[in-house]
Amino acid sequence: MGRPLWFVAGAGAGVYAAARARRAAESLTADGLRDRLRGWQLGARLFAEEVQQGRTERETQLREQLGLRPHGVPELTTSTHETKDPH
């Protein structure tokens, strides 16, 4: 029972190694490298869009917390300084 098990395990490892080698060889062709570069560019663009969206959301939150208008001028509806009676 031991030899057939090792035979099947070896055959499986050989098929797996051959498939990985074929995939690696295909990725090193001109088309494979071009596809990989396009994938990296797409990933970088999606990442940049996510960062921009997060930055915009956080800026909106901060502006609401600080009472700023969208164009950056503080609203004068509430007084930040209380007047003290000297007497």
PDB file of N, CA and C in Angstrom:
ATOM      1  N   MET A   1       0.812  -1.189   0.000  1.00  0.00           N
ATOM      2  CA  MET A   1       0.000   0.000   0.000  1.00  0.00           C
ATOM      3  C   MET A   1       0.864   1.265   0.000  1.00  0.00           C
ATOM      4  N   GLY A   2       2.085   1.215   0.455  1.00  0.00           N
ATOM      5  CA  GLY A   2       2.949   2.382   0.531  1.00  0.00           C
ATOM      6  C   GLY A   2       3.428   2.863  -0.823  1.00  0.00           C
ATOM      7  N   ARG A   3       3.778   1.915  -1.730  1.00  0.00           N
ATOM      8  CA  ARG A   3       4.306   2.323  -3.037  1.00  0.00           C
ATOM      9  C   ARG A   3       3.281   3.030  -3.906  1.00  0.00           C
ATOM     10  N   PRO A   4       2.056   2.535  -4.002  1.00  0.00           N
ATOM     11  CA  PRO A   4       1.071   3.267  -4.818  1.00  0.00           C
ATOM     12  C   PRO A   4       0.797   4.673  -4.261  1.00  0.00           C
ATOM     13  N   LEU A   5       0.801   4.811  -2.937  1.00  0.00           N
ATOM     14  CA  LEU A   5       0.574   6.118  -2.345  1.00  0.00           C
ATOM     15  C   LEU A   5       1.672   7.090  -2.746  1.00  0.00           C
ATOM     16  N   TRP A   6       2.933   6.624  -2.657  1.00  0.00           N
ATOM     17  CA  TRP A   6       4.052   7.491  -3.028  1.00  0.00           C
ATOM     18  C   TRP A   6       4.056   7.781  -4.523  1.00  0.00           C
ATOM     19  N   PHE A   7       3.609   6.826  -5.332  1.00  0.00           N
ATOM     20  CA  PHE A   7       3.533   7.041  -6.774  1.00  0.00           C
ATOM     21  C   PHE A   7       2.520   8.146  -7.084  1.00  0.00           C
ATOM     22  N   VAL A   8       1.359   8.078  -6.462  1.00  0.00           N
ATOM     23  CA  VAL A   8       0.319   9.081  -6.690  1.00  0.00           C
ATOM     24  C   VAL A   8       0.792  10.446  -6.183  1.00  0.00           C
ATOM     25  N   ALA A   9       1.434  10.467  -5.021  1.00  0.00           N
ATOM     26  CA  ALA A   9       1.933  11.733  -4.473  1.00  0.00           C
ATOM     27  C   ALA A   9       2.984  12.328  -5.403  1.00  0.00           C
ATOM     28  N   GLY A  10       3.884  11.527  -5.927  1.00  0.00           N
ATOM     29  CA  GLY A  10       4.909  12.013  -6.846  1.00  0.00           C
ATOM     30  C   GLY A  10       4.315  12.505  -8.156  1.00  0.00           C
ATOM     31  N   ALA A  11       3.336  11.778  -8.675  1.00  0.00           N
ATOM     32  CA  ALA A  11       2.682  12.196  -9.917  1.00  0.00           C
ATOM     33  C   ALA A  11       1.954  13.523  -9.707  1.00  0.00           C
ATOM     34  N   GLY A  12       1.288  13.648  -8.580  1.00  0.00           N
ATOM     35  CA  GLY A  12       0.581  14.903  -8.285  1.00  0.00           C
ATOM     36  C   GLY A  12       1.545  16.065  -8.169  1.00  0.00           C
ATOM     37  N   ALA A  13       2.673  15.833  -7.501  1.00  0.00           N
ATOM     38  CA  ALA A  13       3.673  16.903  -7.364  1.00  0.00           C
ATOM     39  C   ALA A  13       4.256  17.270  -8.727  1.00  0.00           C
ATOM     40  N   GLY A  14       4.452  16.287  -9.585  1.00  0.00           N
ATOM     41  CA  GLY A  14       4.968  16.556 -10.926  1.00  0.00           C
ATOM     42  C   GLY A  14       4.001  17.373 -11.764  1.00  0.00           C
ATOM     43  N   VAL A  15       2.727  17.040 -11.708  1.00  0.00           N
ATOM     44  CA  VAL A  15       1.718  17.792 -12.457  1.00  0.00           C
ATOM     45  C   VAL A  15       1.640  19.221 -11.932  1.00  0.00           C
ATOM     46  N   TYR A  16       1.684  19.383 -10.610  1.00  0.00           N
ATOM     47  CA  TYR A  16       1.627  20.715 -10.008  1.00  0.00           C
ATOM     48  C   TYR A  16       2.841  21.543 -10.436  1.00  0.00           C
ATOM     49  N   ALA A  17       4.038  20.940 -10.392  1.00  0.00           N
ATOM     50  CA  ALA A  17       5.259  21.657 -10.765  1.00  0.00           C
ATOM     51  C   ALA A  17       5.234  22.046 -12.242  1.00  0.00           C
ATOM     52  N   ALA A  18       4.738  21.151 -13.096  1.00  0.00           N
ATOM     53  CA  ALA A  18       4.663  21.454 -14.530  1.00  0.00           C
ATOM     54  C   ALA A  18       3.694  22.614 -14.788  1.00  0.00           C
ATOM     55  N   ALA A  19       2.565  22.611 -14.096  1.00  0.00           N
ATOM     56  CA  ALA A  19       1.588  23.693 -14.283  1.00  0.00           C
ATOM     57  C   ALA A  19       2.169  25.024 -13.820  1.00  0.00           C
ATOM     58  N   ARG A  20       2.859  25.014 -12.671  1.00  0.00           N
ATOM     59  CA  ARG A  20       3.478  26.250 -12.175  1.00  0.00           C
ATOM     60  C   ARG A  20       4.568  26.739 -13.127  1.00  0.00           C
ATOM     61  N   ALA A  21       5.360  25.835 -13.662  1.00  0.00           N
ATOM     62  CA  ALA A  21       6.426  26.219 -14.592  1.00  0.00           C
ATOM     63  C   ALA A  21       5.842  26.814 -15.865  1.00  0.00           C
ATOM     64  N   ARG A  22       4.766  26.211 -16.372  1.00  0.00           N
ATOM     65  CA  ARG A  22       4.125  26.731 -17.586  1.00  0.00           C
ATOM     66  C   ARG A  22       3.557  28.126 -17.325  1.00  0.00           C
ATOM     67  N   ARG A  23       2.934  28.314 -16.173  1.00  0.00           N
ATOM     68  CA  ARG A  23       2.380  29.624 -15.819  1.00  0.00           C
ATOM     69  C   ARG A  23       3.487  30.670 -15.667  1.00  0.00           C
ATOM     70  N   ALA A  24       4.604  30.292 -15.071  1.00  0.00           N
ATOM     71  CA  ALA A  24       5.721  31.227 -14.904  1.00  0.00           C
ATOM     72  C   ALA A  24       6.318  31.589 -16.261  1.00  0.00           C
ATOM     73  N   ALA A  25       6.438  30.604 -17.159  1.00  0.00           N
ATOM     74  CA  ALA A  25       6.986  30.870 -18.487  1.00  0.00           C
ATOM     75  C   ALA A  25       6.066  31.799 -19.281  1.00  0.00           C
ATOM     76  N   GLU A  26       4.761  31.595 -19.151  1.00  0.00           N
ATOM     77  CA  GLU A  26       3.821  32.462 -19.859  1.00  0.00           C
ATOM     78  C   GLU A  26       3.856  33.891 -19.321  1.00  0.00           C
ATOM     79  N   SER A  27       4.115  34.039 -18.024  1.00  0.00           N
ATOM     80  CA  SER A  27       4.142  35.385 -17.465  1.00  0.00           C
ATOM     81  C   SER A  27       5.389  36.151 -17.877  1.00  0.00           C
ATOM     82  N   LEU A  28       6.396  35.475 -18.376  1.00  0.00           N
ATOM     83  CA  LEU A  28       7.623  36.144 -18.800  1.00  0.00           C
ATOM     84  C   LEU A  28       7.653  36.478 -20.286  1.00  0.00           C
ATOM     85  N   THR A  29       6.580  36.163 -20.997  1.00  0.00           N
ATOM     86  CA  THR A  29       6.494  36.558 -22.398  1.00  0.00           C
ATOM     87  C   THR A  29       6.113  38.032 -22.470  1.00  0.00           C
ATOM     88  N   ALA A  30       6.184  38.598 -23.673  1.00  0.00           N
ATOM     89  CA  ALA A  30       5.848  40.014 -23.849  1.00  0.00           C
ATOM     90  C   ALA A  30       4.395  40.281 -23.457  1.00  0.00           C
ATOM     91  N   ASP A  31       3.493  39.413 -23.872  1.00  0.00           N
ATOM     92  CA  ASP A  31       2.086  39.590 -23.519  1.00  0.00           C
ATOM     93  C   ASP A  31       1.872  39.447 -22.015  1.00  0.00           C
ATOM     94  N   GLY A  32       2.562  38.481 -21.419  1.00  0.00           N
ATOM     95  CA  GLY A  32       2.428  38.282 -19.978  1.00  0.00           C
ATOM     96  C   GLY A  32       2.940  39.470 -19.182  1.00  0.00           C
ATOM     97  N   LEU A  33       4.075  40.010 -19.595  1.00  0.00           N
ATOM     98  CA  LEU A  33       4.619  41.187 -18.911  1.00  0.00           C
ATOM     99  C   LEU A  33       3.723  42.403 -19.103  1.00  0.00           C
ATOM    100  N   ARG A  34       3.168  42.540 -20.292  1.00  0.00           N
ATOM    101  CA  ARG A  34       2.260  43.653 -20.571  1.00  0.00           C
ATOM    102  C   ARG A  34       1.005  43.547 -19.702  1.00  0.00           C
ATOM    103  N   ASP A  35       0.456  42.333 -19.596  1.00  0.00           N
ATOM    104  CA  ASP A  35      -0.718  42.132 -18.750  1.00  0.00           C
ATOM    105  C   ASP A  35      -0.397  42.426 -17.286  1.00  0.00           C
ATOM    106  N   ARG A  36       0.772  42.003 -16.828  1.00  0.00           N
ATOM    107  CA  ARG A  36       1.159  42.248 -15.440  1.00  0.00           C
ATOM    108  C   ARG A  36       1.318  43.756 -15.184  1.00  0.00           C
ATOM    109  N   LEU A  37       1.923  44.467 -16.142  1.00  0.00           N
ATOM    110  CA  LEU A  37       2.085  45.914 -15.999  1.00  0.00           C
ATOM    111  C   LEU A  37       0.732  46.620 -15.961  1.00  0.00           C
ATOM    112  N   ARG A  38      -0.182  46.204 -16.832  1.00  0.00           N
ATOM    113  CA  ARG A  38      -1.528  46.801 -16.829  1.00  0.00           C
ATOM    114  C   ARG A  38      -2.245  46.533 -15.514  1.00  0.00           C
ATOM    115  N   GLY A  39      -2.057  45.345 -14.972  1.00  0.00           N
ATOM    116  CA  GLY A  39      -2.656  45.023 -13.678  1.00  0.00           C
ATOM    117  C   GLY A  39      -2.115  45.910 -12.573  1.00  0.00           C
ATOM    118  N   TRP A  40      -0.808  46.140 -12.574  1.00  0.00           N
ATOM    119  CA  TRP A  40      -0.207  47.022 -11.570  1.00  0.00           C
ATOM    120  C   TRP A  40      -0.715  48.454 -11.734  1.00  0.00           C
ATOM    121  N   GLN A  41      -0.835  48.908 -12.982  1.00  0.00           N
ATOM    122  CA  GLN A  41      -1.335  50.262 -13.223  1.00  0.00           C
ATOM    123  C   GLN A  41      -2.772  50.413 -12.747  1.00  0.00           C
ATOM    124  N   LEU A  42      -3.588  49.413 -13.024  1.00  0.00           N
ATOM    125  CA  LEU A  42      -4.978  49.446 -12.579  1.00  0.00           C
ATOM    126  C   LEU A  42      -5.044  49.450 -11.050  1.00  0.00           C
ATOM    127  N   GLY A  43      -4.240  48.614 -10.424  1.00  0.00           N
ATOM    128  CA  GLY A  43      -4.212  48.573  -8.966  1.00  0.00           C
ATOM    129  C   GLY A  43      -3.774  49.897  -8.371  1.00  0.00           C
ATOM    130  N   ALA A  44      -2.757  50.516  -8.964  1.00  0.00           N
ATOM    131  CA  ALA A  44      -2.277  51.811  -8.476  1.00  0.00           C
ATOM    132  C   ALA A  44      -3.346  52.886  -8.657  1.00  0.00           C
ATOM    133  N   ARG A  45      -4.050  52.857  -9.771  1.00  0.00           N
ATOM    134  CA  ARG A  45      -5.099  53.847 -10.014  1.00  0.00           C
ATOM    135  C   ARG A  45      -6.255  53.668  -9.026  1.00  0.00           C
ATOM    136  N   LEU A  46      -6.657  52.414  -8.785  1.00  0.00           N
ATOM    137  CA  LEU A  46      -7.730  52.161  -7.823  1.00  0.00           C
ATOM    138  C   LEU A  46      -7.315  52.587  -6.418  1.00  0.00           C
ATOM    139  N   PHE A  47      -6.061  52.326  -6.056  1.00  0.00           N
ATOM    140  CA  PHE A  47      -5.558  52.734  -4.751  1.00  0.00           C
ATOM    141  C   PHE A  47      -5.572  54.249  -4.617  1.00  0.00           C
ATOM    142  N   ALA A  48      -5.125  54.951  -5.652  1.00  0.00           N
ATOM    143  CA  ALA A  48      -5.110  56.413  -5.623  1.00  0.00           C
ATOM    144  C   ALA A  48      -6.525  56.972  -5.503  1.00  0.00           C
ATOM    145  N   GLU A  49      -7.490  56.364  -6.192  1.00  0.00           N
ATOM    146  CA  GLU A  49      -8.877  56.812  -6.093  1.00  0.00           C
ATOM    147  C   GLU A  49      -9.423  56.594  -4.693  1.00  0.00           C
ATOM    148  N   GLU A  50      -9.090  55.463  -4.075  1.00  0.00           N
ATOM    149  CA  GLU A  50      -9.540  55.187  -2.707  1.00  0.00           C
ATOM    150  C   GLU A  50      -8.936  56.193  -1.731  1.00  0.00           C
ATOM    151  N   VAL A  51      -7.663  56.499  -1.901  1.00  0.00           N
ATOM    152  CA  VAL A  51      -7.015  57.476  -1.021  1.00  0.00           C
ATOM    153  C   VAL A  51      -7.660  58.844  -1.191  1.00  0.00           C
ATOM    154  N   GLN A  52      -7.928  59.245  -2.422  1.00  0.00           N
ATOM    155  CA  GLN A  52      -8.565  60.542  -2.682  1.00  0.00           C
ATOM    156  C   GLN A  52      -9.958  60.595  -2.068  1.00  0.00           C
ATOM    157  N   GLN A  53     -10.711  59.509  -2.200  1.00  0.00           N
ATOM    158  CA  GLN A  53     -12.057  59.470  -1.630  1.00  0.00           C
ATOM    159  C   GLN A  53     -11.997  59.555  -0.099  1.00  0.00           C
ATOM    160  N   GLY A  54     -11.076  58.837   0.509  1.00  0.00           N
ATOM    161  CA  GLY A  54     -10.909  58.898   1.958  1.00  0.00           C
ATOM    162  C   GLY A  54     -10.484  60.276   2.427  1.00  0.00           C
ATOM    163  N   ARG A  55      -9.588  60.900   1.678  1.00  0.00           N
ATOM    164  CA  ARG A  55      -9.128  62.245   2.018  1.00  0.00           C
ATOM    165  C   ARG A  55     -10.283  63.245   1.941  1.00  0.00           C
ATOM    166  N   THR A  56     -11.112  63.132   0.909  1.00  0.00           N
ATOM    167  CA  THR A  56     -12.253  64.020   0.748  1.00  0.00           C
ATOM    168  C   THR A  56     -13.256  63.831   1.879  1.00  0.00           C
ATOM    169  N   GLU A  57     -13.528  62.574   2.234  1.00  0.00           N
ATOM    170  CA  GLU A  57     -14.459  62.306   3.327  1.00  0.00           C
ATOM    171  C   GLU A  57     -13.939  62.864   4.645  1.00  0.00           C
ATOM    172  N   ARG A  58     -12.656  62.661   4.906  1.00  0.00           N
ATOM    173  CA  ARG A  58     -12.081  63.148   6.155  1.00  0.00           C
ATOM    174  C   ARG A  58     -12.067  64.680   6.194  1.00  0.00           C
ATOM    175  N   GLU A  59     -11.779  65.304   5.063  1.00  0.00           N
ATOM    176  CA  GLU A  59     -11.795  66.759   5.015  1.00  0.00           C
ATOM    177  C   GLU A  59     -13.199  67.283   5.307  1.00  0.00           C
ATOM    178  N   THR A  60     -14.206  66.614   4.759  1.00  0.00           N
ATOM    179  CA  THR A  60     -15.590  67.010   5.017  1.00  0.00           C
ATOM    180  C   THR A  60     -15.911  66.870   6.500  1.00  0.00           C
ATOM    181  N   GLN A  61     -15.486  65.773   7.114  1.00  0.00           N
ATOM    182  CA  GLN A  61     -15.722  65.578   8.548  1.00  0.00           C
ATOM    183  C   GLN A  61     -15.051  66.675   9.375  1.00  0.00           C
ATOM    184  N   LEU A  62     -13.811  66.985   9.043  1.00  0.00           N
ATOM    185  CA  LEU A  62     -13.096  68.020   9.785  1.00  0.00           C
ATOM    186  C   LEU A  62     -13.743  69.386   9.612  1.00  0.00           C
ATOM    187  N   ARG A  63     -14.159  69.685   8.403  1.00  0.00           N
ATOM    188  CA  ARG A  63     -14.809  70.975   8.165  1.00  0.00           C
ATOM    189  C   ARG A  63     -16.106  71.083   8.961  1.00  0.00           C
ATOM    190  N   GLU A  64     -16.860  69.974   9.049  1.00  0.00           N
ATOM    191  CA  GLU A  64     -18.097  69.992   9.835  1.00  0.00           C
ATOM    192  C   GLU A  64     -17.782  70.170  11.315  1.00  0.00           C
ATOM    193  N   GLN A  65     -16.752  69.489  11.799  1.00  0.00           N
ATOM    194  CA  GLN A  65     -16.384  69.595  13.206  1.00  0.00           C
ATOM    195  C   GLN A  65     -15.893  70.997  13.560  1.00  0.00           C
ATOM    196  N   LEU A  66     -15.180  71.615  12.646  1.00  0.00           N
ATOM    197  CA  LEU A  66     -14.618  72.939  12.914  1.00  0.00           C
ATOM    198  C   LEU A  66     -15.551  74.079  12.517  1.00  0.00           C
ATOM    199  N   GLY A  67     -16.680  73.751  11.919  1.00  0.00           N
ATOM    200  CA  GLY A  67     -17.634  74.774  11.522  1.00  0.00           C
ATOM    201  C   GLY A  67     -17.156  75.603  10.354  1.00  0.00           C
ATOM    202  N   LEU A  68     -16.468  74.995   9.413  1.00  0.00           N
ATOM    203  CA  LEU A  68     -15.969  75.717   8.240  1.00  0.00           C
ATOM    204  C   LEU A  68     -16.897  75.507   7.065  1.00  0.00           C
ATOM    205  N   ARG A  69     -16.993  76.516   6.257  1.00  0.00           N
ATOM    206  CA  ARG A  69     -17.744  76.380   5.020  1.00  0.00           C
ATOM    207  C   ARG A  69     -16.901  75.592   4.030  1.00  0.00           C
ATOM    208  N   PRO A  70     -17.523  75.067   2.993  1.00  0.00           N
ATOM    209  CA  PRO A  70     -16.758  74.289   2.014  1.00  0.00           C
ATOM    210  C   PRO A  70     -15.598  75.040   1.371  1.00  0.00           C
ATOM    211  N   HIS A  71     -15.705  76.365   1.222  1.00  0.00           N
ATOM    212  CA  HIS A  71     -14.617  77.101   0.591  1.00  0.00           C
ATOM    213  C   HIS A  71     -13.570  77.552   1.597  1.00  0.00           C
ATOM    214  N   GLY A  72     -13.704  77.174   2.861  1.00  0.00           N
ATOM    215  CA  GLY A  72     -12.656  77.421   3.826  1.00  0.00           C
ATOM    216  C   GLY A  72     -12.814  78.629   4.711  1.00  0.00           C
ATOM    217  N   VAL A  73     -13.896  79.393   4.582  1.00  0.00           N
ATOM    218  CA  VAL A  73     -14.101  80.571   5.418  1.00  0.00           C
ATOM    219  C   VAL A  73     -14.871  80.140   6.658  1.00  0.00           C
ATOM    220  N   PRO A  74     -14.380  80.438   7.858  1.00  0.00           N
ATOM    221  CA  PRO A  74     -15.103  80.026   9.058  1.00  0.00           C
ATOM    222  C   PRO A  74     -16.423  80.777   9.196  1.00  0.00           C
ATOM    223  N   GLU A  75     -17.416  80.064   9.671  1.00  0.00           N
ATOM    224  CA  GLU A  75     -18.714  80.691   9.880  1.00  0.00           C
ATOM    225  C   GLU A  75     -18.670  81.521  11.149  1.00  0.00           C
ATOM    226  N   LEU A  76     -19.359  82.634  11.128  1.00  0.00           N
ATOM    227  CA  LEU A  76     -19.356  83.535  12.261  1.00  0.00           C
ATOM    228  C   LEU A  76     -20.681  83.481  13.007  1.00  0.00           C
ATOM    229  N   THR A  77     -21.352  82.346  12.983  1.00  0.00           N
ATOM    230  CA  THR A  77     -22.651  82.243  13.637  1.00  0.00           C
ATOM    231  C   THR A  77     -22.517  82.062  15.134  1.00  0.00           C
ATOM    232  N   THR A  78     -21.429  81.476  15.607  1.00  0.00           N
ATOM    233  CA  THR A  78     -21.242  81.295  17.035  1.00  0.00           C
ATOM    234  C   THR A  78     -20.011  82.060  17.468  1.00  0.00           C
ATOM    235  N   SER A  79     -20.056  82.553  18.654  1.00  0.00           N
ATOM    236  CA  SER A  79     -18.934  83.311  19.181  1.00  0.00           C
ATOM    237  C   SER A  79     -17.954  82.358  19.853  1.00  0.00           C
ATOM    238  N   THR A  80     -16.700  82.455  19.485  1.00  0.00           N
ATOM    239  CA  THR A  80     -15.692  81.600  20.106  1.00  0.00           C
ATOM    240  C   THR A  80     -15.090  82.264  21.323  1.00  0.00           C
ATOM    241  N   HIS A  81     -15.185  83.603  21.413  1.00  0.00           N
ATOM    242  CA  HIS A  81     -14.627  84.325  22.547  1.00  0.00           C
ATOM    243  C   HIS A  81     -15.783  84.933  23.349  1.00  0.00           C
ATOM    244  N   GLU A  82     -15.806  84.644  24.615  1.00  0.00           N
ATOM    245  CA  GLU A  82     -16.825  85.250  25.461  1.00  0.00           C
ATOM    246  C   GLU A  82     -16.298  86.576  25.973  1.00  0.00           C
ATOM    247  N   THR A  83     -17.177  87.529  26.040  1.00  0.00           N
ATOM    248  CA  THR A  83     -16.751  88.827  26.577  1.00  0.00           C
ATOM    249  C   THR A  83     -16.812  88.763  28.093  1.00  0.00           C
ATOM    250  N   LYS A  84     -15.764  89.224  28.724  1.00  0.00           N
ATOM    251  CA  LYS A  84     -15.707  89.198  30.187  1.00  0.00           C
ATOM    252  C   LYS A  84     -16.032  90.596  30.712  1.00  0.00           C
ATOM    253  N   ASP A  85     -16.815  90.601  31.734  1.00  0.00           N
ATOM    254  CA  ASP A  85     -17.156  91.865  32.397  1.00  0.00           C
ATOM    255  C   ASP A  85     -16.016  92.191  33.357  1.00  0.00           C
ATOM    256  N   PRO A  86     -15.313  93.326  33.168  1.00  0.00           N
ATOM    257  CA  PRO A  86     -14.184  93.634  34.025  1.00  0.00           C
ATOM    258  C   PRO A  86     -14.601  93.918  35.447  1.00  0.00           C
ATOM    259  N   HIS A  87     -15.862  94.179  35.724  1.00  0.00           N
ATOM    260  CA  HIS A  87     -16.296  94.537  37.086  1.00  0.00           C
ATOM    261  C   HIS A  87     -16.914  93.391  37.794  1.00  0.00           C
TER     262      HIS A  87
END
